[in-house]
Amino acid sequence: MSAFSLNPYLYTATNIYSFTVIVDGIIQRPHIDYEFNNDSTLGTQDLDFITIPSAGAVIIVVADTYWQYRSEE
């Protein structure tokens, strides 16, 4: 498997269904093409490819947006 950390980039990636993985324009399937390791005790959120993309592949990971209102005190 080939692993990539999502932790510093996608704050809303909390489970395998909270983001979409696209490799060279093709949507990847959870539990078939990749797994997601979310270990809250270690603070890791790793995307593990089962079907390893070829060298030079364009990988895009999209998650739901996150925003929060802040008061102007």
Protein backbone atom coordinates (compact mmCIF):
# COMPACT_ATOMS: atom_id res chain seq x y z
CA MET A 1 0.00 0.00 0.00
CA SER A 2 0.97 3.60 -0.51
CA ALA A 3 -0.01 6.09 2.22
CA PHE A 4 -0.54 9.86 2.22
CA SER A 5 -1.37 11.98 5.25
CA LEU A 6 -4.53 14.10 4.92
CA ASN A 7 -4.24 15.56 8.41
CA PRO A 8 -2.47 18.84 7.57
CA TYR A 9 -4.76 19.55 4.59
CA LEU A 10 -8.30 18.28 5.13
CA TYR A 11 -9.75 19.03 8.55
CA THR A 12 -13.15 17.54 7.71
CA ALA A 13 -11.79 14.16 6.57
CA THR A 14 -12.99 12.24 9.59
CA ASN A 15 -14.09 8.97 7.98
CA ILE A 16 -13.73 7.20 4.65
CA TYR A 17 -17.01 8.66 3.34
CA SER A 18 -16.25 12.31 4.16
CA PHE A 19 -14.00 12.87 1.12
CA THR A 20 -13.62 11.87 -2.51
CA VAL A 21 -10.42 10.61 -4.14
CA ILE A 22 -9.82 11.17 -7.85
CA VAL A 23 -6.82 9.73 -9.70
CA ASP A 24 -6.20 10.92 -13.26
CA GLY A 25 -9.83 11.99 -13.55
CA ILE A 26 -11.27 8.68 -12.27
CA ILE A 27 -13.16 8.57 -8.98
CA GLN A 28 -11.71 5.96 -6.66
CA ARG A 29 -13.88 3.56 -4.61
CA PRO A 30 -13.62 3.40 -0.80
CA HIS A 31 -12.50 0.00 0.54
CA ILE A 32 -11.67 -1.14 -3.03
CA ASP A 33 -9.12 1.40 -4.28
CA TYR A 34 -8.21 2.97 -0.94
CA GLU A 35 -8.64 2.78 2.82
CA PHE A 36 -8.65 5.53 5.43
CA ASN A 37 -6.81 5.24 8.73
CA ASN A 38 -8.16 7.77 11.20
CA ASP A 39 -6.41 7.19 14.52
CA SER A 40 -7.49 9.93 16.92
CA THR A 41 -5.02 8.78 19.60
CA LEU A 42 -2.11 9.34 17.22
CA GLY A 43 -3.64 12.28 15.38
CA THR A 44 -3.23 10.59 12.00
CA GLN A 45 -5.56 10.69 9.03
CA ASP A 46 -3.89 8.58 6.35
CA LEU A 47 -5.16 7.75 2.90
CA ASP A 48 -3.87 4.27 2.02
CA PHE A 49 -4.07 3.27 -1.63
CA ILE A 50 -4.84 -0.39 -2.26
CA THR A 51 -4.68 0.18 -6.00
CA ILE A 52 -1.43 2.15 -6.18
CA PRO A 53 -1.54 5.00 -8.74
CA SER A 54 1.15 5.05 -11.41
CA ALA A 55 4.14 7.36 -11.09
CA GLY A 56 3.20 10.87 -12.17
CA ALA A 57 -0.53 10.31 -11.61
CA VAL A 58 -2.59 13.37 -10.69
CA ILE A 59 -4.26 12.72 -7.33
CA ILE A 60 -7.02 15.01 -6.09
CA VAL A 61 -8.72 14.64 -2.71
CA VAL A 62 -11.82 16.73 -2.08
CA ALA A 63 -13.59 17.03 1.29
CA ASP A 64 -16.63 18.90 2.49
CA THR A 65 -15.93 22.51 3.29
CA TYR A 66 -15.63 23.70 6.84
CA TRP A 67 -16.21 27.18 8.10
CA GLN A 68 -17.29 28.81 11.31
CA TYR A 69 -18.79 32.18 12.11
CA ARG A 70 -16.62 34.33 14.34
CA SER A 71 -17.94 37.19 16.38
CA GLU A 72 -16.36 40.60 15.92
CA GLU A 73 -15.92 41.48 19.56
